Protein backbone atom coordinates (compact mmCIF):
# COMPACT_ATOMS: atom_id res chain seq x y z
CA MET A 1 157.55 122.13 82.72
CA GLY A 2 154.15 121.78 84.34
CA PRO A 3 151.77 119.29 85.92
CA ALA A 4 151.93 115.70 84.74
CA TYR A 5 151.19 112.19 85.91
CA GLY A 6 152.88 108.85 85.52
CA CYS A 7 153.00 105.21 86.48
CA SER A 8 155.94 103.14 87.66
CA GLU A 9 157.48 100.71 85.21
CA LYS A 10 159.97 97.88 85.54
CA VAL A 11 163.59 98.68 84.69
CA PRO A 12 163.95 98.25 80.91
CA PRO A 13 166.43 95.63 79.65
CA GLY A 14 169.94 97.05 79.23
CA ASP A 15 169.40 99.92 81.67
CA THR A 16 172.54 100.86 83.59
CA HIS A 17 171.14 103.59 85.83
CA GLY A 18 169.98 101.21 88.55
CA HIS A 19 166.99 103.46 89.21
CA PRO A 20 163.27 102.87 88.78
CA TRP A 21 161.68 104.25 85.65
CA LEU A 22 158.55 106.32 85.29
CA ARG A 23 156.28 106.65 82.31
CA ILE A 24 155.39 110.37 82.36
CA THR A 25 152.37 111.79 80.55
CA ASP A 26 151.72 115.53 80.39
CA LEU A 27 148.30 117.11 80.17
CA LYS A 28 148.45 117.04 76.37
CA GLY A 29 148.71 113.26 76.38
CA GLU A 30 152.38 113.08 75.34
CA TRP A 31 154.41 110.55 77.31
CA SER A 32 158.03 109.55 77.80
CA MET A 33 160.04 107.01 79.80
CA VAL A 34 161.99 108.70 82.59
CA PRO A 35 164.65 107.31 85.00
CA CYS A 36 163.83 108.41 88.52
CA LEU A 37 167.16 109.94 89.61
CA ASP A 38 165.93 111.02 93.05
CA CYS A 39 165.35 107.54 94.43
CA ASN A 40 167.13 104.23 94.16
CA ALA A 41 165.66 100.91 93.19
CA SER A 42 164.91 99.95 96.77
CA GLY A 43 162.98 103.19 97.26
CA SER A 44 160.93 102.91 94.11
CA PRO A 45 157.25 103.71 94.43
CA ALA A 46 154.73 100.92 94.23
CA GLU A 47 153.19 100.16 90.90
CA GLY A 48 150.25 102.48 90.31
CA VAL A 49 149.40 105.98 89.15
CA TYR A 50 151.19 109.04 90.62
CA PHE A 51 150.43 112.74 90.31
CA PHE A 52 153.42 115.09 90.57
CA TYR A 53 154.91 118.34 89.30
CA VAL A 54 157.90 118.33 86.95
CA PHE A 55 159.97 121.43 87.72
CA PHE A 56 162.40 120.91 84.88
CA CYS A 57 162.71 118.44 82.05
CA SER A 58 164.24 118.48 78.61
CA ILE A 59 162.72 116.25 75.91
CA ASN A 60 164.52 115.18 72.77
CA ASN A 61 162.75 112.71 70.48
CA SER A 62 160.53 111.36 73.26
CA SER A 63 163.53 110.87 75.60
CA VAL A 64 163.75 112.64 78.93
CA PHE A 65 167.34 113.35 79.93
CA ASN A 66 166.85 114.80 83.37
CA VAL A 67 164.23 115.24 86.04
CA ARG A 68 165.66 117.49 88.73
CA PHE A 69 163.08 117.07 91.45
CA PHE A 70 159.53 115.95 91.96
CA ARG A 71 157.22 114.93 94.78
CA THR A 72 154.50 112.33 94.34
CA THR A 73 151.17 111.50 95.92
CA ALA A 74 150.11 107.90 95.33
CA VAL A 75 146.66 107.31 93.89
CA CYS A 76 145.58 103.78 93.12
CA LYS A 77 144.59 103.45 89.49
CA ASP A 78 141.58 101.35 90.54
CA ASP A 79 140.16 104.20 92.66
CA VAL A 80 137.94 105.32 89.77
CA ILE A 81 135.69 102.58 88.46
CA THR A 82 133.02 102.56 85.77
CA VAL A 83 129.72 100.92 86.64
CA LYS A 84 127.80 99.34 83.77
CA THR A 85 124.21 98.30 83.18
CA PRO A 86 123.53 94.76 84.45
CA ALA A 87 122.64 92.10 81.92
CA PHE A 88 118.95 91.87 81.03
CA ALA A 89 116.88 88.77 80.42
CA GLU A 90 116.52 87.51 76.87
CA SER A 91 113.04 89.03 76.53
CA VAL A 92 114.27 92.54 77.46
CA THR A 93 116.54 94.57 75.17
CA GLU A 94 116.70 98.03 76.73
CA GLY A 95 115.50 100.23 79.58
CA ASP A 96 115.16 103.86 80.69
CA VAL A 97 117.47 105.29 83.35
CA ARG A 98 116.14 107.27 86.31
CA TRP A 99 118.88 108.73 88.49
CA GLU A 100 118.60 108.69 92.28
CA LYS A 101 121.98 110.41 92.81
CA ALA A 102 123.85 113.31 91.22
CA VAL A 103 127.47 114.12 90.44
CA GLY A 104 129.38 114.78 93.65
CA ASP A 105 127.05 112.76 95.87
CA THR A 106 128.67 110.47 98.41
CA VAL A 107 127.27 106.94 98.35
CA ALA A 108 127.75 103.87 100.48
CA GLU A 109 128.26 100.35 99.23
CA ASP A 110 125.01 98.77 97.93
CA GLU A 111 123.24 102.15 97.99
CA VAL A 112 120.97 102.58 94.95
CA VAL A 113 122.41 105.06 92.45
CA CYS A 114 119.90 104.68 89.63
CA GLU A 115 116.93 102.62 88.55
CA ILE A 116 116.48 101.15 85.08
CA GLU A 117 112.85 100.79 84.06
CA THR A 118 112.27 98.01 81.55
CA ASP A 119 109.14 96.71 79.86
CA LYS A 120 108.39 94.35 82.74
CA THR A 121 110.06 95.63 85.88
CA SER A 122 112.54 98.09 87.36
CA VAL A 123 116.16 97.08 87.94
CA GLN A 124 118.04 98.89 90.71
CA VAL A 125 121.74 99.57 90.19
CA PRO A 126 123.63 99.83 93.52
CA SER A 127 127.03 101.33 94.17
CA PRO A 128 129.70 98.59 94.22
CA ALA A 129 131.71 100.40 96.91
CA ASN A 130 131.85 103.45 99.16
CA GLY A 131 132.75 106.52 97.16
CA VAL A 132 131.82 109.71 95.36
CA ILE A 133 130.05 109.86 92.00
CA GLU A 134 132.35 111.58 89.51
CA ALA A 135 130.28 111.48 86.31
CA LEU A 136 126.91 110.34 85.01
CA LEU A 137 127.47 108.86 81.56
CA VAL A 138 123.78 108.61 80.58
CA PRO A 139 121.21 111.43 80.84
CA ASP A 140 118.13 111.02 83.00
CA GLY A 141 115.52 109.17 80.95
CA GLY A 142 118.12 107.91 78.48
CA LYS A 143 117.86 104.44 76.96
CA VAL A 144 120.50 101.84 77.79
CA GLU A 145 121.22 98.25 76.87
CA GLY A 146 122.93 95.56 78.90
CA GLY A 147 126.59 96.44 79.52
CA THR A 148 126.22 100.17 78.82
CA PRO A 149 128.51 102.34 81.04
CA LEU A 150 126.31 104.23 83.51
CA PHE A 151 128.52 106.26 85.85
CA THR A 152 132.02 106.56 87.26
CA LEU A 153 132.71 106.22 90.97
CA ARG A 154 135.77 107.31 92.92
CA LYS A 155 136.16 104.85 95.76
CA THR A 156 136.83 105.98 99.30
CA GLY A 157 138.02 103.98 102.27
CA ALA A 158 134.95 104.16 104.49
CA ALA A 159 131.24 104.66 104.24
CA PRO A 160 130.02 108.26 104.43
CA ALA A 161 129.39 109.24 108.00
CA LYS A 162 125.92 110.29 108.90
CA ALA A 163 125.64 113.91 109.88
CA LYS A 164 125.04 114.36 113.56
CA PRO A 165 122.29 116.74 114.53
CA ALA A 166 123.62 120.07 115.70
CA GLU A 167 123.47 120.52 119.40
CA ALA A 168 121.30 123.35 120.60
CA PRO A 169 123.36 126.19 122.11
CA ALA A 170 123.19 126.41 125.84
CA ALA A 171 120.84 129.07 127.05
CA ALA A 172 122.63 132.08 128.48
CA PRO A 173 121.84 132.78 132.14
CA LYS A 174 119.32 135.51 132.56
CA ALA A 175 120.77 138.67 134.03
CA GLU A 176 118.96 139.91 137.08
CA PRO A 177 117.63 143.46 136.71
CA PRO A 178 119.43 146.03 138.85
CA VAL A 179 117.70 147.01 142.01
CA SER A 180 116.73 150.66 141.92
CA ALA A 181 115.99 152.73 144.96
CA VAL A 182 113.53 154.85 143.01
CA PRO A 183 110.24 153.08 142.42
CA PRO A 184 109.46 152.62 138.71
CA PRO A 185 106.67 154.66 137.12
CA PRO A 186 103.29 152.99 136.86
CA ALA A 187 103.05 150.74 133.79
CA ALA A 188 100.74 151.81 131.00
CA SER A 189 97.56 149.87 130.71
CA ILE A 190 97.85 147.01 128.22
CA PRO A 191 94.76 146.34 126.08
CA THR A 192 93.37 142.86 126.49
CA GLN A 193 92.02 142.69 122.92
CA MET A 194 93.53 143.53 119.56
CA PRO A 195 91.92 146.42 117.70
CA PRO A 196 89.56 145.27 114.95
CA MET A 197 91.06 144.90 111.50
CA PRO A 198 89.62 147.20 108.86
CA SER A 199 87.19 145.58 106.50
CA PRO A 200 88.15 145.20 102.83
CA SER A 201 85.89 148.14 102.00
CA GLN A 202 87.80 150.38 104.42
CA PRO A 203 91.27 151.40 103.16
CA LEU A 204 94.16 151.26 105.57
CA ALA A 205 95.31 154.48 107.14
CA SER A 206 98.01 156.23 105.13
CA LYS A 207 100.03 159.39 105.35
CA PRO A 208 98.20 162.63 104.68
CA GLY A 209 98.24 163.61 101.03
CA THR A 210 98.85 160.07 99.68
CA PRO A 211 96.11 158.13 97.86
CA PRO A 212 94.88 154.93 99.49
CA PRO A 213 96.32 151.67 98.10
CA PRO A 214 94.14 149.91 95.51
CA ARG A 215 91.93 147.13 96.74
CA VAL A 216 93.17 143.67 95.68
CA ALA A 217 90.57 140.97 95.20
CA PRO A 218 91.38 137.70 97.00
CA TRP A 219 91.14 135.64 93.82
CA ALA A 220 93.48 138.03 92.00
CA GLU A 221 96.35 137.19 94.34
CA TRP A 222 96.76 133.77 92.72
CA GLY A 223 95.74 134.74 89.19
CA GLY A 224 92.19 133.46 89.38
CA LEU A 225 89.00 134.92 87.98
CA ASP A 226 86.24 136.69 89.75
CA PRO A 227 83.96 133.85 90.90
CA GLU A 228 80.96 136.01 90.10
CA SER A 229 82.07 136.75 86.54
CA PRO A 230 80.97 134.53 83.64
CA GLY A 231 83.46 131.86 82.64
CA SER A 232 85.00 131.69 86.10
CA HIS A 233 84.67 127.89 86.32
CA ARG A 234 88.04 127.06 84.82
CA LEU A 235 89.05 123.55 83.79
CA SER A 236 92.61 122.46 84.48
CA SER A 237 94.70 119.58 83.17
CA PHE A 238 98.28 118.40 83.19
CA GLN A 239 100.40 116.00 81.16
CA GLU A 240 102.52 113.14 82.45
CA LYS A 241 104.79 111.02 80.29
CA MET A 242 103.91 107.33 80.22
CA ASN A 243 106.62 105.23 81.81
CA ARG A 244 108.09 102.35 79.89
CA MET A 245 106.08 99.74 81.77
CA ARG A 246 102.78 101.51 81.05
CA GLN A 247 103.73 101.88 77.38
CA ARG A 248 104.51 98.17 77.18
CA ILE A 249 101.24 97.24 78.91
CA ALA A 250 99.28 99.37 76.45
CA GLN A 251 101.14 97.86 73.51
CA ARG A 252 100.66 94.25 74.62
CA LEU A 253 96.96 94.66 75.40
CA LYS A 254 96.31 96.30 72.05
CA GLU A 255 98.25 93.52 70.32
CA ALA A 256 96.07 91.00 72.12
CA GLN A 257 92.93 92.70 70.86
CA ASN A 258 94.26 92.86 67.32
CA THR A 259 95.56 89.27 67.26
CA CYS A 260 93.23 87.12 69.36
CA ALA A 261 89.59 86.36 68.65
CA MET A 262 88.61 87.00 72.27
CA LEU A 263 85.36 85.68 73.66
CA THR A 264 84.22 85.53 77.30
CA THR A 265 82.06 82.95 79.05
CA PHE A 266 80.69 83.33 82.59
CA ASN A 267 79.62 81.24 85.52
CA GLU A 268 78.99 81.65 89.24
CA ILE A 269 80.50 79.81 92.18
CA ASP A 270 78.92 79.05 95.53
CA MET A 271 81.67 79.88 98.03
CA SER A 272 79.93 78.31 101.06
CA ASN A 273 82.06 75.15 101.27
CA ILE A 274 85.39 76.84 100.65
CA GLN A 275 84.57 79.50 103.26
CA GLU A 276 83.63 76.80 105.76
CA MET A 277 86.83 74.86 105.03
CA ARG A 278 88.92 78.00 105.46
CA ALA A 279 87.22 78.95 108.75
CA ARG A 280 87.68 75.43 110.14
CA HIS A 281 91.33 74.89 109.20
CA LYS A 282 92.91 78.35 108.93
CA ASP A 283 94.32 78.30 112.49
CA ALA A 284 95.88 74.85 112.11
CA PHE A 285 97.17 75.81 108.66
CA LEU A 286 98.77 78.96 110.08
CA LYS A 287 100.31 77.03 112.98
CA LYS A 288 101.85 74.35 110.79
CA HIS A 289 102.93 76.35 107.73
CA ASN A 290 103.15 79.88 109.18
CA LEU A 291 100.94 80.99 106.29
CA LYS A 292 97.45 82.39 106.02
CA LEU A 293 94.99 80.25 104.10
CA GLY A 294 93.29 82.33 101.41
CA PHE A 295 90.98 81.75 98.47
CA MET A 296 93.57 82.34 95.75
CA SER A 297 95.31 79.02 96.39
CA ALA A 298 92.01 77.20 95.84
CA PHE A 299 91.51 78.89 92.46
CA VAL A 300 95.12 78.30 91.41
CA LYS A 301 94.88 74.61 92.29
CA ALA A 302 91.48 74.30 90.61
CA SER A 303 92.83 75.99 87.47
CA ALA A 304 95.76 73.58 87.30
CA PHE A 305 93.32 70.68 87.63
CA ALA A 306 91.14 72.07 84.82
CA LEU A 307 94.15 72.76 82.58
CA GLN A 308 95.20 69.13 82.87
CA GLU A 309 91.67 68.07 81.90
CA GLN A 310 91.53 70.55 78.99
CA PRO A 311 95.12 70.84 77.67
CA VAL A 312 94.06 73.01 74.72
CA VAL A 313 93.48 75.90 77.14
CA ASN A 314 97.12 75.56 78.18
CA ALA A 315 98.27 75.61 74.54
CA VAL A 316 99.10 78.57 72.31
CA ILE A 317 99.16 79.33 68.59
CA ASP A 318 102.57 80.04 67.06
CA ASP A 319 101.65 82.67 64.48
CA ALA A 320 105.05 82.38 62.76
CA THR A 321 104.82 78.66 62.03
CA LYS A 322 101.00 78.35 62.15
CA GLU A 323 101.32 75.54 64.67
CA VAL A 324 99.63 74.80 67.99
CA VAL A 325 102.16 74.45 70.82
CA TYR A 326 100.94 72.14 73.62
CA ARG A 327 102.77 72.58 76.91
CA ASP A 328 103.07 69.75 79.42
CA TYR A 329 103.82 72.11 82.31
CA ILE A 330 101.50 74.55 84.06
CA ASP A 331 102.88 77.98 84.97
CA ILE A 332 100.12 80.26 86.23
CA SER A 333 100.57 84.04 86.16
CA VAL A 334 98.88 85.97 88.98
CA ALA A 335 98.07 89.58 88.15
CA VAL A 336 99.22 92.06 90.83
CA ALA A 337 98.46 95.79 90.75
CA THR A 338 101.36 98.05 91.78
CA PRO A 339 101.78 101.85 91.70
CA ARG A 340 103.98 101.44 88.62
CA GLY A 341 101.48 99.31 86.75
CA LEU A 342 100.17 95.78 86.42
CA VAL A 343 102.70 92.99 86.88
CA VAL A 344 102.13 89.27 86.48
CA PRO A 345 104.59 87.14 88.46
CA VAL A 346 104.50 83.45 87.61
CA ILE A 347 103.93 80.43 89.87
CA ARG A 348 105.97 77.62 88.30
CA ASN A 349 104.87 73.97 88.00
CA VAL A 350 101.59 74.42 89.84
CA GLU A 351 100.50 70.87 89.01
CA ALA A 352 103.10 69.57 91.51
CA MET A 353 102.17 71.98 94.33
CA ASN A 354 99.85 71.67 97.30
CA TYR A 355 97.91 74.46 98.97
CA ALA A 356 100.79 75.42 101.28
CA ASP A 357 103.29 75.61 98.40
CA ILE A 358 100.96 77.86 96.43
CA GLU A 359 100.23 80.17 99.36
CA ARG A 360 103.94 80.46 100.14
CA THR A 361 104.83 81.31 96.57
CA ILE A 362 102.02 83.86 96.29
CA SER A 363 103.16 85.49 99.53
CA GLU A 364 106.78 85.71 98.40
CA LEU A 365 105.92 87.11 94.97
CA GLY A 366 103.46 89.60 96.45
CA GLU A 367 106.07 90.86 98.90
CA LYS A 368 108.61 91.30 96.11
CA ALA A 369 106.04 93.15 94.00
CA ARG A 370 105.22 95.56 96.84
CA LYS A 371 108.93 96.29 97.35
CA ASN A 372 109.53 96.61 93.60
CA GLU A 373 112.02 93.74 93.77
CA LEU A 374 110.53 91.47 91.12
CA ALA A 375 113.15 90.23 88.70
CA ILE A 376 112.42 89.75 85.04
CA GLU A 377 112.78 86.00 85.55
CA ASP A 378 109.87 86.14 88.01
CA MET A 379 107.53 87.29 85.23
CA ASP A 380 108.83 85.48 82.17
CA GLY A 381 106.68 82.72 80.71
CA GLY A 382 103.32 81.71 82.08
CA THR A 383 100.74 79.51 80.36
CA PHE A 384 97.56 80.81 82.04
CA THR A 385 96.63 83.92 84.03
CA ILE A 386 94.32 84.59 86.99
CA SER A 387 93.18 88.16 87.65
CA ASN A 388 91.39 88.87 90.92
CA GLY A 389 89.37 92.06 90.56
CA GLY A 390 87.32 91.03 93.56
CA VAL A 391 89.85 92.54 95.96
CA PHE A 392 88.74 95.94 94.62
CA GLY A 393 85.03 95.10 94.81
CA SER A 394 84.48 94.16 91.17
CA LEU A 395 81.14 92.45 90.54
CA PHE A 396 81.55 91.56 86.88
CA GLY A 397 84.18 91.97 84.18
CA THR A 398 85.76 90.61 81.01
CA PRO A 399 89.56 90.30 81.38
CA ILE A 400 91.91 90.63 78.41
CA ILE A 401 94.21 87.76 77.46
CA ASN A 402 97.85 88.13 78.47
CA PRO A 403 99.77 87.15 75.31
CA PRO A 404 101.27 84.75 74.36
CA GLN A 405 98.66 82.86 76.40
CA SER A 406 95.28 81.65 75.20
CA ALA A 407 93.01 82.23 78.20
CA ILE A 408 92.60 84.20 81.42
CA LEU A 409 90.35 83.66 84.44
CA GLY A 410 88.72 86.65 86.09
CA MET A 411 87.69 86.40 89.75
CA HIS A 412 85.27 88.87 91.31
CA ALA A 413 83.96 89.91 94.71
CA ILE A 414 81.89 87.62 96.95
CA PHE A 415 78.36 88.87 97.65
CA ASP A 416 75.43 87.26 99.44
CA ARG A 417 72.70 86.56 96.90
CA PRO A 418 69.49 84.54 96.92
CA VAL A 419 69.90 81.31 94.96
CA ALA A 420 67.77 78.23 94.41
CA VAL A 421 69.09 75.25 96.41
CA GLY A 422 67.12 72.00 96.35
CA GLY A 423 63.92 73.76 95.32
CA LYS A 424 64.28 76.41 98.03
CA VAL A 425 65.59 79.96 97.99
CA GLU A 426 68.63 80.42 100.19
CA VAL A 427 71.11 83.26 100.65
CA ARG A 428 74.59 82.06 99.71
CA PRO A 429 78.00 83.78 99.28
CA MET A 430 78.36 83.83 95.49
CA MET A 431 81.13 84.87 93.12
CA TYR A 432 80.90 85.52 89.40
CA VAL A 433 83.83 84.19 87.37
CA ALA A 434 84.73 84.95 83.76
CA LEU A 435 86.93 83.08 81.30
CA THR A 436 88.21 85.01 78.30
CA TYR A 437 89.72 82.73 75.67
CA ASP A 438 91.16 82.83 72.16
CA HIS A 439 88.38 81.49 69.97
CA ARG A 440 90.87 80.78 67.18
CA LEU A 441 92.15 77.86 69.26
CA ILE A 442 89.55 77.11 71.94
CA ASP A 443 85.98 76.24 71.05
CA GLY A 444 83.02 77.24 73.18
CA ARG A 445 82.41 73.67 74.37
CA GLU A 446 85.97 73.38 75.68
CA ALA A 447 85.85 76.82 77.33
CA VAL A 448 82.57 76.14 79.12
CA THR A 449 83.75 72.69 80.23
CA PHE A 450 86.98 74.20 81.53
CA LEU A 451 85.16 76.84 83.58
CA ARG A 452 82.75 74.27 84.99
CA LYS A 453 85.74 72.17 86.12
CA ILE A 454 87.02 75.16 88.09
CA LYS A 455 83.56 75.73 89.55
CA ALA A 456 83.29 72.10 90.69
CA ALA A 457 86.78 72.03 92.26
CA VAL A 458 86.24 75.27 94.22
CA GLU A 459 82.71 74.47 95.40
CA ASP A 460 83.79 71.02 96.60
CA PRO A 461 87.57 70.57 97.12
CA ARG A 462 87.03 66.81 97.45
CA VAL A 463 86.80 66.77 93.65
CA LEU A 464 90.57 67.39 93.55
CA LEU A 465 91.25 64.69 96.12
CA LEU A 466 89.18 62.10 94.28
CA ASP A 467 90.32 63.26 90.81
CA LEU A 468 86.76 63.74 89.65
């Protein structure tokens, strides 16, 4: 006798009762097949799970002889679902969980319940339906793999209603003062200024016979030191755990330093022609493509042109087989700084793109990066990287190779500088560029030639048109 639950079953073969059967399980996990004597076959409950109270039952060798009376409340067995970690890309094996919701929280369909931070990006896990979170199966910060159960959700019929703001109570009508026949006494004079506060050196007035309260220094209220005492200039610090993305960035950059023989060569680019071209055609470009014409597309297109001319820069060393892998496609990674860390989404098959295609792809990837919606597939691969430190005002720098690539181009800010042009000194908008390359694979002659190809294509875009 006691609480139990059960699920409806089909009538077993050979049954002569003509009643539906129930499979009853008590709270200890013991179960038995029971004929439902209080309803006929036509009134049998629908298949599913039912909670009820057994007032009397006698069990003999797992057989229930009689159930006198019970009432049921139907609960669909699919009401409680387990949500699992989505599948990761091949290059990602695990991630760290950061919970956005807690047990008992009501969530709507597609509302984010947790975020899984991987080596490359963060994956949001939404609620598959409206419901209430029953259990969190992984602790906050715990590591999970693809397919790991994350939480259980009890589904509800409708989305949680938004709480309406409480209405302000209506103001009670002011009662009019009673009219008195006797004129009121004259009001006491009200001071127009507050009395002066006592200075810190003057103790507050107290009852006679009690000592004045001790004087408290202002800096003592928050545990500080006397600013006039020696050693009062305290240094403070705090610790913050590195997130998985930052750990992976640190690991990969250190691996690049330990593996590659990195060397950097420099050059400078006269941006006069590209600035003039942009100023002349940006309005027409915006009108036709609904895109802004920037400088990054020129450098991406120039890099693809130079990579086709110097295919060794697009190649990579396979350290396992000691072979050089030449790639006949050009996928350029564009470094983007986000609050979570540096991400490098990839522009695929740049060699087949025009300026509008490149600008559109950069815009879409940048928007996804700002919204933290980059998928792992958006950052996998890449044969060459461009890092634009010029947007932060960088004048000069030596970028680090993004493995498993063999080279990276560093762009910097544009500044007006005096340069020699045709035997005369002129002020031109100039940009320093840097190419860091793996000297194990790329020789200095090839690196310098590659960078000069980029310089020529940016300074005069007709080089690309004429395939010079």
